[in-house]
Amino acid sequence: MASLETWIGLRYLRAKKRNGFMSFITMVSIAGIALGVTALIVVLSVMNGFQKEIRGQLLNVAPHAEIGFYDLSAGEPWQDLRKYVQGKKEVLATAPYISDQALLANAGEVRGVQIRGILPEEEQKVVDYGKNMPKGSFNDLKPGEFDIILGDGLAQALDAHSGNKVTVITPEGNVTPAGVVPRLKQFNVVGIVKTGVYELDNSLALTHM
């Protein structure tokens, strides 16, 4: 009482000797289909695993969502933004930050960076890469002091180690009688951070907000 497809398959699979060639062709066809399906399953598994790994790494270094003011001229404090999300069960933690582009110089090398001003005790609640830093910790960033934490790749490119000084150059300059002069300030390297994401490790610099 097998289905028509099953009957046809069994008919060719169990062919008599005079139909041995047909049985051989059937075996080759089955093996080819099985190999193709196996390869497809393996590729899909690898791609899904790779996608999950990349997504996990990105979410370890970046927040799931960011909110900010469109109009900064109003002078509203960042604490007001927390009122929008406070008490919502979906929100596990929040942390403020200020971000801008700058140049870092040391030992004749200059690199463009994304410099972020953070509150160490708050930042640790929303990112994971501060837990196992190669050198130092977020808590080494002290308010009112010019301390900086560099990404691992950035520190290597600048040949900067914990305890060294690097020069931070901001795009906003000071207007003087001689013209616009870039703003320069030396910062103490108090830590090295490794996120596992190549772009961030080569462009991230953290200071106290």
N, C-alpha and C. Protein backbone atom coordinates (compact mmCIF):
# COMPACT_ATOMS: atom_id res chain seq x y z
N MET A 1 0.83 -1.20 0.00
CA MET A 1 0.00 0.00 0.00
C MET A 1 0.88 1.26 0.00
N ALA A 2 2.14 1.12 -0.47
CA ALA A 2 3.03 2.28 -0.50
C ALA A 2 2.57 3.27 -1.55
N SER A 3 3.03 4.52 -1.41
CA SER A 3 2.68 5.55 -2.39
C SER A 3 3.34 5.26 -3.72
N LEU A 4 2.86 5.93 -4.76
CA LEU A 4 3.41 5.72 -6.10
C LEU A 4 4.89 6.06 -6.16
N GLU A 5 5.27 7.16 -5.49
CA GLU A 5 6.67 7.57 -5.52
C GLU A 5 7.56 6.53 -4.85
N THR A 6 7.11 6.01 -3.71
CA THR A 6 7.87 4.98 -3.00
C THR A 6 7.98 3.71 -3.84
N TRP A 7 6.90 3.33 -4.50
CA TRP A 7 6.90 2.11 -5.32
C TRP A 7 7.88 2.24 -6.48
N ILE A 8 7.89 3.43 -7.12
CA ILE A 8 8.80 3.63 -8.24
C ILE A 8 10.24 3.62 -7.76
N GLY A 9 10.50 4.28 -6.61
CA GLY A 9 11.85 4.28 -6.07
C GLY A 9 12.35 2.91 -5.73
N LEU A 10 11.54 2.13 -5.05
CA LEU A 10 11.93 0.75 -4.70
C LEU A 10 12.09 -0.11 -5.94
N ARG A 11 11.27 0.16 -6.96
CA ARG A 11 11.33 -0.64 -8.19
C ARG A 11 12.69 -0.50 -8.86
N TYR A 12 13.20 0.73 -8.92
CA TYR A 12 14.50 0.93 -9.56
C TYR A 12 15.66 0.60 -8.64
N LEU A 13 15.45 0.78 -7.34
CA LEU A 13 16.52 0.49 -6.38
C LEU A 13 16.79 -1.00 -6.29
N ARG A 14 15.75 -1.84 -6.43
CA ARG A 14 15.89 -3.29 -6.33
C ARG A 14 15.77 -3.94 -7.71
N ALA A 15 16.38 -3.30 -8.71
CA ALA A 15 16.30 -3.84 -10.07
C ALA A 15 17.02 -5.17 -10.18
N LYS A 16 16.56 -6.01 -11.10
CA LYS A 16 17.19 -7.30 -11.32
C LYS A 16 18.52 -7.11 -12.04
N LYS A 17 19.27 -8.21 -12.18
CA LYS A 17 20.60 -8.11 -12.75
C LYS A 17 20.57 -7.54 -14.16
N ARG A 18 19.56 -7.91 -14.92
CA ARG A 18 19.52 -7.39 -16.29
C ARG A 18 19.28 -5.88 -16.33
N ASN A 19 18.83 -5.35 -15.20
CA ASN A 19 18.66 -3.89 -15.08
C ASN A 19 19.66 -3.29 -14.09
N GLY A 20 20.79 -3.92 -13.96
CA GLY A 20 21.80 -3.47 -13.00
C GLY A 20 22.29 -2.06 -13.26
N PHE A 21 22.39 -1.68 -14.54
CA PHE A 21 22.84 -0.34 -14.86
C PHE A 21 21.87 0.70 -14.31
N MET A 22 20.56 0.39 -14.41
CA MET A 22 19.55 1.31 -13.88
C MET A 22 19.68 1.44 -12.37
N SER A 23 20.00 0.34 -11.69
CA SER A 23 20.19 0.38 -10.24
C SER A 23 21.42 1.22 -9.88
N PHE A 24 22.48 1.11 -10.70
CA PHE A 24 23.69 1.90 -10.47
C PHE A 24 23.39 3.39 -10.61
N ILE A 25 22.64 3.75 -11.67
CA ILE A 25 22.27 5.15 -11.88
C ILE A 25 21.46 5.67 -10.71
N THR A 26 20.56 4.84 -10.17
CA THR A 26 19.73 5.25 -9.04
C THR A 26 20.60 5.53 -7.81
N MET A 27 21.55 4.63 -7.56
CA MET A 27 22.45 4.81 -6.41
C MET A 27 23.25 6.11 -6.54
N VAL A 28 23.77 6.37 -7.75
CA VAL A 28 24.54 7.59 -7.97
C VAL A 28 23.66 8.82 -7.76
N SER A 29 22.41 8.77 -8.24
CA SER A 29 21.50 9.89 -8.07
C SER A 29 21.20 10.15 -6.60
N ILE A 30 20.94 9.08 -5.85
CA ILE A 30 20.65 9.22 -4.41
C ILE A 30 21.86 9.80 -3.68
N ALA A 31 23.06 9.30 -4.02
CA ALA A 31 24.28 9.80 -3.38
C ALA A 31 24.50 11.27 -3.70
N GLY A 32 24.24 11.66 -4.96
CA GLY A 32 24.41 13.05 -5.36
C GLY A 32 23.46 13.98 -4.63
N ILE A 33 22.19 13.57 -4.51
CA ILE A 33 21.21 14.39 -3.80
C ILE A 33 21.57 14.50 -2.32
N ALA A 34 21.97 13.34 -1.73
CA ALA A 34 22.36 13.35 -0.31
C ALA A 34 23.55 14.27 -0.07
N LEU A 35 24.54 14.24 -0.98
CA LEU A 35 25.73 15.09 -0.84
C LEU A 35 25.35 16.56 -0.98
N GLY A 36 24.46 16.87 -1.94
CA GLY A 36 24.03 18.25 -2.12
C GLY A 36 23.29 18.79 -0.92
N VAL A 37 22.38 17.99 -0.37
CA VAL A 37 21.62 18.42 0.81
C VAL A 37 22.54 18.59 2.01
N THR A 38 23.51 17.67 2.16
CA THR A 38 24.47 17.78 3.27
C THR A 38 25.28 19.07 3.17
N ALA A 39 25.76 19.37 1.95
CA ALA A 39 26.53 20.60 1.75
C ALA A 39 25.69 21.83 2.06
N LEU A 40 24.42 21.81 1.65
CA LEU A 40 23.52 22.95 1.91
C LEU A 40 23.31 23.14 3.41
N ILE A 41 23.09 22.05 4.13
CA ILE A 41 22.87 22.13 5.58
C ILE A 41 24.12 22.67 6.28
N VAL A 42 25.30 22.18 5.86
CA VAL A 42 26.55 22.64 6.48
C VAL A 42 26.76 24.13 6.23
N VAL A 43 26.55 24.59 4.99
CA VAL A 43 26.74 26.00 4.66
C VAL A 43 25.77 26.88 5.45
N LEU A 44 24.51 26.48 5.53
CA LEU A 44 23.52 27.26 6.28
C LEU A 44 23.88 27.32 7.76
N SER A 45 24.36 26.20 8.30
CA SER A 45 24.74 26.17 9.72
C SER A 45 25.91 27.11 9.99
N VAL A 46 26.91 27.06 9.09
CA VAL A 46 28.08 27.94 9.25
C VAL A 46 27.68 29.41 9.16
N MET A 47 26.83 29.74 8.17
CA MET A 47 26.41 31.12 7.99
C MET A 47 25.59 31.62 9.18
N ASN A 48 24.70 30.77 9.68
CA ASN A 48 23.90 31.17 10.85
C ASN A 48 24.78 31.38 12.08
N GLY A 49 25.76 30.49 12.26
CA GLY A 49 26.67 30.63 13.39
C GLY A 49 27.52 31.88 13.27
N PHE A 50 27.99 32.17 12.04
CA PHE A 50 28.79 33.37 11.81
C PHE A 50 27.98 34.62 12.06
N GLN A 51 26.73 34.63 11.58
CA GLN A 51 25.86 35.78 11.79
C GLN A 51 25.61 36.01 13.27
N LYS A 52 25.37 34.92 14.01
CA LYS A 52 25.12 35.05 15.45
C LYS A 52 26.35 35.57 16.16
N GLU A 53 27.54 35.10 15.76
CA GLU A 53 28.77 35.55 16.40
C GLU A 53 29.02 37.03 16.15
N ILE A 54 28.84 37.46 14.90
CA ILE A 54 29.05 38.87 14.57
C ILE A 54 28.05 39.75 15.30
N ARG A 55 26.78 39.32 15.32
CA ARG A 55 25.75 40.11 16.01
C ARG A 55 26.07 40.20 17.50
N GLY A 56 26.52 39.09 18.08
CA GLY A 56 26.86 39.11 19.50
C GLY A 56 28.02 40.04 19.80
N GLN A 57 29.05 40.05 18.94
CA GLN A 57 30.18 40.94 19.15
C GLN A 57 29.77 42.40 19.05
N LEU A 58 28.93 42.70 18.06
CA LEU A 58 28.50 44.09 17.88
C LEU A 58 27.67 44.57 19.06
N LEU A 59 26.78 43.71 19.56
CA LEU A 59 25.92 44.12 20.67
C LEU A 59 26.69 44.17 21.99
N ASN A 60 27.88 43.56 22.02
CA ASN A 60 28.73 43.67 23.21
C ASN A 60 29.40 45.04 23.31
N VAL A 61 29.53 45.71 22.17
CA VAL A 61 30.25 47.00 22.16
C VAL A 61 29.34 48.17 21.81
N ALA A 62 28.12 47.89 21.39
CA ALA A 62 27.21 48.97 21.02
C ALA A 62 25.87 48.76 21.70
N PRO A 63 25.21 49.84 22.10
CA PRO A 63 23.90 49.70 22.73
C PRO A 63 22.85 49.25 21.72
N HIS A 64 21.78 48.64 22.21
CA HIS A 64 20.69 48.22 21.34
C HIS A 64 19.95 49.43 20.77
N ALA A 65 19.97 50.53 21.48
CA ALA A 65 19.26 51.73 21.03
C ALA A 65 19.96 52.97 21.59
N GLU A 66 19.85 54.07 20.86
CA GLU A 66 20.40 55.34 21.32
C GLU A 66 19.33 56.41 21.18
N ILE A 67 19.27 57.31 22.15
CA ILE A 67 18.34 58.43 22.08
C ILE A 67 19.11 59.70 22.38
N GLY A 68 18.66 60.80 21.79
CA GLY A 68 19.34 62.07 22.00
C GLY A 68 18.44 63.24 21.64
N PHE A 69 18.94 64.44 21.87
CA PHE A 69 18.18 65.65 21.57
C PHE A 69 18.45 66.09 20.14
N TYR A 70 17.39 66.48 19.42
CA TYR A 70 17.57 67.08 18.11
C TYR A 70 18.08 68.51 18.24
N ASP A 71 17.55 69.22 19.21
CA ASP A 71 17.91 70.62 19.41
C ASP A 71 18.73 70.74 20.68
N LEU A 72 20.04 70.89 20.51
CA LEU A 72 20.92 70.99 21.68
C LEU A 72 20.94 72.38 22.29
N SER A 73 20.36 73.37 21.58
CA SER A 73 20.40 74.75 22.08
C SER A 73 19.50 74.95 23.29
N ALA A 74 18.55 74.02 23.51
CA ALA A 74 17.63 74.18 24.64
C ALA A 74 18.33 73.99 25.97
N GLY A 75 19.48 73.32 25.94
CA GLY A 75 20.23 73.13 27.17
C GLY A 75 19.63 72.11 28.12
N GLU A 76 18.82 71.19 27.60
CA GLU A 76 18.22 70.17 28.46
C GLU A 76 19.30 69.18 28.91
N PRO A 77 19.33 68.81 30.17
CA PRO A 77 20.34 67.85 30.65
C PRO A 77 20.03 66.44 30.17
N TRP A 78 21.08 65.62 30.08
CA TRP A 78 20.88 64.25 29.61
C TRP A 78 20.01 63.44 30.57
N GLN A 79 19.97 63.87 31.83
CA GLN A 79 19.14 63.14 32.79
C GLN A 79 17.66 63.12 32.38
N ASP A 80 17.23 64.16 31.63
CA ASP A 80 15.84 64.21 31.20
C ASP A 80 15.50 63.07 30.25
N LEU A 81 16.51 62.63 29.48
CA LEU A 81 16.26 61.54 28.54
C LEU A 81 15.90 60.24 29.26
N ARG A 82 16.47 60.07 30.43
CA ARG A 82 16.19 58.83 31.18
C ARG A 82 14.73 58.74 31.61
N LYS A 83 14.08 59.86 31.72
CA LYS A 83 12.67 59.84 32.14
C LYS A 83 11.79 59.14 31.11
N TYR A 84 12.25 59.15 29.85
CA TYR A 84 11.45 58.51 28.79
C TYR A 84 11.46 56.99 28.92
N VAL A 85 12.52 56.45 29.52
CA VAL A 85 12.66 54.98 29.54
C VAL A 85 12.65 54.40 30.96
N GLN A 86 12.67 55.25 31.96
CA GLN A 86 12.68 54.75 33.33
C GLN A 86 11.43 53.95 33.63
N GLY A 87 11.62 52.83 34.31
CA GLY A 87 10.49 52.01 34.72
C GLY A 87 10.01 51.03 33.68
N LYS A 88 10.55 51.09 32.46
CA LYS A 88 10.14 50.14 31.41
C LYS A 88 10.89 48.83 31.60
N LYS A 89 10.15 47.74 31.62
CA LYS A 89 10.77 46.44 31.92
C LYS A 89 11.74 46.00 30.83
N GLU A 90 11.57 46.52 29.60
CA GLU A 90 12.46 46.11 28.51
C GLU A 90 13.84 46.75 28.61
N VAL A 91 13.96 47.82 29.39
CA VAL A 91 15.22 48.55 29.48
C VAL A 91 16.01 48.03 30.68
N LEU A 92 17.15 47.42 30.41
CA LEU A 92 17.97 46.86 31.49
C LEU A 92 18.88 47.91 32.12
N ALA A 93 19.42 48.82 31.30
CA ALA A 93 20.34 49.83 31.83
C ALA A 93 20.49 50.94 30.80
N THR A 94 20.91 52.11 31.28
CA THR A 94 21.19 53.25 30.40
C THR A 94 22.50 53.89 30.82
N ALA A 95 23.15 54.56 29.88
CA ALA A 95 24.41 55.26 30.18
C ALA A 95 24.57 56.42 29.22
N PRO A 96 24.97 57.57 29.72
CA PRO A 96 25.20 58.73 28.84
C PRO A 96 26.60 58.70 28.23
N TYR A 97 26.74 59.38 27.10
CA TYR A 97 28.07 59.54 26.51
C TYR A 97 28.08 60.74 25.59
N ILE A 98 29.27 61.25 25.37
CA ILE A 98 29.50 62.32 24.38
C ILE A 98 30.51 61.78 23.39
N SER A 99 30.26 61.99 22.10
CA SER A 99 31.14 61.42 21.09
C SER A 99 31.53 62.48 20.06
N ASP A 100 32.78 62.43 19.64
CA ASP A 100 33.25 63.34 18.60
C ASP A 100 34.51 62.75 17.97
N GLN A 101 34.90 63.31 16.84
CA GLN A 101 36.11 62.86 16.16
C GLN A 101 37.28 63.71 16.59
N ALA A 102 38.46 63.08 16.59
CA ALA A 102 39.68 63.80 16.98
C ALA A 102 40.87 63.09 16.36
N LEU A 103 42.04 63.66 16.55
CA LEU A 103 43.30 63.05 16.11
C LEU A 103 44.13 62.74 17.35
N LEU A 104 44.79 61.59 17.32
CA LEU A 104 45.72 61.22 18.38
C LEU A 104 47.12 61.13 17.78
N ALA A 105 48.08 61.71 18.46
CA ALA A 105 49.46 61.71 17.96
C ALA A 105 50.40 61.19 19.04
N ASN A 106 51.37 60.38 18.60
CA ASN A 106 52.39 59.88 19.51
C ASN A 106 53.50 59.24 18.69
N ALA A 107 54.74 59.50 19.08
CA ALA A 107 55.91 58.89 18.45
C ALA A 107 55.90 59.08 16.93
N GLY A 108 55.47 60.25 16.47
CA GLY A 108 55.47 60.54 15.05
C GLY A 108 54.31 59.95 14.28
N GLU A 109 53.41 59.25 14.94
CA GLU A 109 52.25 58.65 14.30
C GLU A 109 51.00 59.45 14.65
N VAL A 110 50.11 59.58 13.67
CA VAL A 110 48.84 60.30 13.89
C VAL A 110 47.71 59.41 13.40
N ARG A 111 46.67 59.27 14.20
CA ARG A 111 45.53 58.44 13.85
C ARG A 111 44.23 59.18 14.14
N GLY A 112 43.28 59.05 13.24
CA GLY A 112 41.95 59.58 13.48
C GLY A 112 41.18 58.63 14.38
N VAL A 113 40.46 59.17 15.36
CA VAL A 113 39.78 58.33 16.34
C VAL A 113 38.36 58.85 16.58
N GLN A 114 37.54 57.97 17.12
CA GLN A 114 36.23 58.34 17.64
C GLN A 114 36.39 58.41 19.15
N ILE A 115 36.43 59.62 19.68
CA ILE A 115 36.67 59.78 21.11
C ILE A 115 35.33 59.90 21.84
N ARG A 116 35.18 59.11 22.90
CA ARG A 116 33.92 59.07 23.63
C ARG A 116 34.16 59.47 25.08
N GLY A 117 33.34 60.41 25.54
CA GLY A 117 33.36 60.78 26.94
C GLY A 117 32.29 59.98 27.68
N ILE A 118 32.66 59.23 28.70
CA ILE A 118 31.74 58.33 29.39
C ILE A 118 31.79 58.57 30.90
N LEU A 119 30.77 58.06 31.56
CA LEU A 119 30.80 57.93 33.02
C LEU A 119 31.10 56.47 33.31
N PRO A 120 32.28 56.15 33.84
CA PRO A 120 32.72 54.76 33.98
C PRO A 120 31.71 53.86 34.69
N GLU A 121 31.15 54.33 35.80
CA GLU A 121 30.24 53.48 36.56
C GLU A 121 28.95 53.20 35.80
N GLU A 122 28.58 54.10 34.88
CA GLU A 122 27.38 53.90 34.08
C GLU A 122 27.68 53.06 32.84
N GLU A 123 28.82 53.32 32.21
CA GLU A 123 29.17 52.63 30.96
C GLU A 123 29.30 51.12 31.17
N GLN A 124 29.77 50.72 32.34
CA GLN A 124 29.96 49.29 32.61
C GLN A 124 28.63 48.53 32.61
N LYS A 125 27.52 49.24 32.74
CA LYS A 125 26.22 48.58 32.76
C LYS A 125 25.71 48.23 31.37
N VAL A 126 26.25 48.88 30.33
CA VAL A 126 25.69 48.70 28.99
C VAL A 126 26.66 48.06 27.99
N VAL A 127 27.94 47.92 28.34
CA VAL A 127 28.89 47.25 27.46
C VAL A 127 29.64 46.18 28.25
N ASP A 128 30.13 45.18 27.53
CA ASP A 128 30.83 44.07 28.18
C ASP A 128 32.35 44.14 28.05
N TYR A 129 32.84 44.94 27.11
CA TYR A 129 34.28 44.89 26.86
C TYR A 129 35.11 45.54 27.97
N GLY A 130 34.46 46.20 28.93
CA GLY A 130 35.21 46.79 30.02
C GLY A 130 35.51 45.83 31.15
N LYS A 131 34.99 44.60 31.05
CA LYS A 131 35.14 43.65 32.16
C LYS A 131 36.52 43.01 32.19
N ASN A 132 37.08 42.67 31.02
CA ASN A 132 38.36 41.97 30.97
C ASN A 132 39.33 42.75 30.07
N MET A 133 39.69 43.94 30.51
CA MET A 133 40.60 44.77 29.73
C MET A 133 42.03 44.28 29.90
N PRO A 134 42.83 44.30 28.82
CA PRO A 134 44.24 43.89 28.94
C PRO A 134 45.02 44.73 29.94
N LYS A 135 44.72 46.04 29.99
CA LYS A 135 45.40 46.92 30.94
C LYS A 135 44.39 47.92 31.49
N GLY A 136 44.40 48.10 32.82
CA GLY A 136 43.57 49.11 33.44
C GLY A 136 42.10 48.74 33.48
N SER A 137 41.26 49.73 33.82
CA SER A 137 39.81 49.54 33.88
C SER A 137 39.13 50.89 33.68
N PHE A 138 37.81 50.83 33.46
CA PHE A 138 37.05 52.07 33.30
C PHE A 138 37.20 52.99 34.52
N ASN A 139 37.33 52.39 35.69
CA ASN A 139 37.40 53.18 36.93
C ASN A 139 38.68 54.00 37.03
N ASP A 140 39.65 53.73 36.13
CA ASP A 140 40.88 54.53 36.14
C ASP A 140 40.67 55.90 35.51
N LEU A 141 39.52 56.11 34.85
CA LEU A 141 39.19 57.42 34.31
C LEU A 141 38.61 58.27 35.43
N LYS A 142 39.34 59.29 35.83
CA LYS A 142 38.93 60.13 36.94
C LYS A 142 38.38 61.46 36.43
N PRO A 143 37.31 61.97 37.05
CA PRO A 143 36.76 63.27 36.63
C PRO A 143 37.75 64.39 36.89
N GLY A 144 37.84 65.30 35.93
CA GLY A 144 38.74 66.45 36.09
C GLY A 144 40.17 66.18 35.73
N GLU A 145 40.51 64.92 35.43
CA GLU A 145 41.88 64.57 35.04
C GLU A 145 41.89 64.17 33.57
N PHE A 146 43.02 64.37 32.93
CA PHE A 146 43.13 64.09 31.50
C PHE A 146 43.68 62.68 31.30
N ASP A 147 42.80 61.71 31.50
CA ASP A 147 43.14 60.30 31.32
C ASP A 147 42.42 59.76 30.09
N ILE A 148 42.98 58.74 29.49
CA ILE A 148 42.38 58.18 28.27
C ILE A 148 42.63 56.67 28.21
N ILE A 149 41.67 55.95 27.67
CA ILE A 149 41.78 54.52 27.41
C ILE A 149 41.74 54.32 25.91
N LEU A 150 42.68 53.53 25.37
CA LEU A 150 42.79 53.35 23.93
C LEU A 150 42.40 51.93 23.53
N GLY A 151 41.87 51.80 22.31
CA GLY A 151 41.64 50.49 21.74
C GLY A 151 42.97 49.78 21.51
N ASP A 152 42.95 48.46 21.56
CA ASP A 152 44.19 47.68 21.48
C ASP A 152 44.94 47.96 20.17
N GLY A 153 44.25 47.92 19.04
CA GLY A 153 44.91 48.18 17.75
C GLY A 153 45.41 49.60 17.64
N LEU A 154 44.65 50.55 18.17
CA LEU A 154 45.05 51.96 18.14
C LEU A 154 46.31 52.18 18.97
N ALA A 155 46.37 51.55 20.14
CA ALA A 155 47.55 51.69 21.00
C ALA A 155 48.79 51.14 20.32
N GLN A 156 48.63 50.01 19.61
CA GLN A 156 49.78 49.44 18.90
C GLN A 156 50.23 50.35 17.76
N ALA A 157 49.26 50.91 17.02
CA ALA A 157 49.61 51.79 15.90
C ALA A 157 50.35 53.04 16.38
N LEU A 158 49.98 53.54 17.55
CA LEU A 158 50.61 54.75 18.10
C LEU A 158 51.82 54.42 18.98
N ASP A 159 52.08 53.13 19.17
CA ASP A 159 53.15 52.70 20.07
C ASP A 159 52.98 53.33 21.45
N ALA A 160 51.73 53.33 21.91
CA ALA A 160 51.39 53.93 23.21
C ALA A 160 51.06 52.81 24.19
N HIS A 161 51.65 52.88 25.34
CA HIS A 161 51.43 51.87 26.38
C HIS A 161 50.85 52.54 27.63
N SER A 162 50.33 51.72 28.50
CA SER A 162 49.78 52.23 29.75
C SER A 162 50.85 52.99 30.51
N GLY A 163 50.54 54.22 30.88
CA GLY A 163 51.51 55.08 31.56
C GLY A 163 52.13 56.11 30.65
N ASN A 164 52.00 55.93 29.31
CA ASN A 164 52.52 56.91 28.36
C ASN A 164 51.56 58.09 28.23
N LYS A 165 52.00 59.09 27.49
CA LYS A 165 51.16 60.24 27.17
C LYS A 165 50.93 60.30 25.66
N VAL A 166 49.72 60.66 25.26
CA VAL A 166 49.40 60.87 23.85
C VAL A 166 48.77 62.26 23.72
N THR A 167 48.95 62.85 22.56
CA THR A 167 48.42 64.18 22.30
C THR A 167 47.09 64.08 21.57
N VAL A 168 46.07 64.69 22.12
CA VAL A 168 44.74 64.72 21.49
C VAL A 168 44.57 66.05 20.78
N ILE A 169 44.22 65.99 19.50
CA ILE A 169 44.01 67.19 18.68
C ILE A 169 42.55 67.22 18.26
N THR A 170 41.83 68.26 18.67
CA THR A 170 40.41 68.35 18.34
C THR A 170 40.21 69.23 17.11
N PRO A 171 39.15 68.97 16.33
CA PRO A 171 38.94 69.75 15.10
C PRO A 171 38.62 71.22 15.37
N GLU A 172 38.00 71.53 16.52
CA GLU A 172 37.71 72.93 16.83
C GLU A 172 38.99 73.63 17.27
N GLY A 173 39.34 74.73 16.59
CA GLY A 173 40.57 75.42 16.90
C GLY A 173 40.34 76.68 17.71
N ASN A 174 41.41 77.22 18.24
CA ASN A 174 41.37 78.50 18.95
C ASN A 174 41.75 79.61 17.98
N VAL A 175 40.96 80.67 17.98
CA VAL A 175 41.23 81.82 17.11
C VAL A 175 42.25 82.72 17.80
N THR A 176 43.37 82.93 17.13
CA THR A 176 44.44 83.78 17.66
C THR A 176 44.80 84.84 16.61
N PRO A 177 45.59 85.85 16.99
CA PRO A 177 46.02 86.84 15.98
C PRO A 177 46.75 86.19 14.80
N ALA A 178 47.36 85.04 15.04
CA ALA A 178 48.09 84.37 13.96
C ALA A 178 47.18 83.45 13.14
N GLY A 179 45.90 83.40 13.51
CA GLY A 179 44.99 82.53 12.78
C GLY A 179 44.39 81.47 13.70
N VAL A 180 43.74 80.49 13.09
CA VAL A 180 43.12 79.41 13.86
C VAL A 180 44.18 78.38 14.21
N VAL A 181 44.34 78.12 15.49
CA VAL A 181 45.34 77.17 15.98
C VAL A 181 44.61 75.94 16.54
N PRO A 182 44.98 74.73 16.11
CA PRO A 182 44.32 73.53 16.65
C PRO A 182 44.47 73.43 18.16
N ARG A 183 43.47 72.87 18.79
CA ARG A 183 43.52 72.68 20.24
C ARG A 183 44.23 71.37 20.54
N LEU A 184 45.27 71.45 21.35
CA LEU A 184 46.07 70.28 21.69
C LEU A 184 46.05 70.06 23.20
N LYS A 185 46.06 68.80 23.59
CA LYS A 185 46.16 68.49 25.02
C LYS A 185 46.73 67.09 25.18
N GLN A 186 47.66 66.96 26.13
CA GLN A 186 48.24 65.64 26.39
C GLN A 186 47.38 64.88 27.40
N PHE A 187 47.13 63.63 27.08
CA PHE A 187 46.36 62.76 27.96
C PHE A 187 47.23 61.59 28.42
N ASN A 188 46.99 61.15 29.65
CA ASN A 188 47.69 60.00 30.19
C ASN A 188 46.96 58.71 29.81
N VAL A 189 47.66 57.76 29.22
CA VAL A 189 47.06 56.47 28.87
C VAL A 189 46.97 55.63 30.15
N VAL A 190 45.75 55.35 30.58
CA VAL A 190 45.55 54.61 31.83
C VAL A 190 45.01 53.20 31.58
N GLY A 191 44.75 52.87 30.33
CA GLY A 191 44.21 51.53 30.07
C GLY A 191 44.17 51.22 28.59
N ILE A 192 44.10 49.92 28.30
CA ILE A 192 43.96 49.40 26.94
C ILE A 192 42.73 48.51 26.91
N VAL A 193 41.88 48.72 25.92
CA VAL A 193 40.65 47.94 25.83
C VAL A 193 40.65 47.13 24.54
N LYS A 194 40.13 45.92 24.61
CA LYS A 194 40.05 45.05 23.43
C LYS A 194 38.60 44.59 23.29
N THR A 195 37.94 45.06 22.23
CA THR A 195 36.52 44.76 22.04
C THR A 195 36.29 43.49 21.22
N GLY A 196 37.27 43.13 20.39
CA GLY A 196 37.07 42.01 19.48
C GLY A 196 36.54 42.43 18.12
N VAL A 197 36.18 43.70 17.98
CA VAL A 197 35.72 44.26 16.70
C VAL A 197 36.85 45.11 16.14
N TYR A 198 37.36 44.75 14.97
CA TYR A 198 38.57 45.36 14.41
C TYR A 198 38.44 46.87 14.29
N GLU A 199 37.32 47.35 13.74
CA GLU A 199 37.15 48.79 13.51
C GLU A 199 37.21 49.57 14.81
N LEU A 200 36.58 49.05 15.87
CA LEU A 200 36.60 49.75 17.15
C LEU A 200 37.97 49.68 17.81
N ASP A 201 38.61 48.54 17.76
CA ASP A 201 39.91 48.41 18.39
C ASP A 201 40.94 49.34 17.76
N ASN A 202 40.71 49.77 16.53
CA ASN A 202 41.66 50.64 15.84
C ASN A 202 41.21 52.10 15.80
N SER A 203 40.10 52.42 16.44
CA SER A 203 39.63 53.82 16.34
C SER A 203 38.98 54.32 17.63
N LEU A 204 38.92 53.51 18.68
CA LEU A 204 38.18 53.90 19.89
C LEU A 204 39.11 54.48 20.94
N ALA A 205 38.69 55.62 21.48
CA ALA A 205 39.39 56.24 22.61
C ALA A 205 38.33 56.71 23.61
N LEU A 206 38.55 56.42 24.89
CA LEU A 206 37.57 56.72 25.94
C LEU A 206 38.19 57.69 26.95
N THR A 207 37.43 58.70 27.32
CA THR A 207 37.84 59.62 28.39
C THR A 207 36.65 59.77 29.34
N HIS A 208 36.91 60.41 30.46
CA HIS A 208 35.81 60.69 31.37
C HIS A 208 34.95 61.82 30.79
N MET A 209 33.64 61.71 30.93
CA MET A 209 32.76 62.69 30.32
C MET A 209 32.97 64.10 30.85
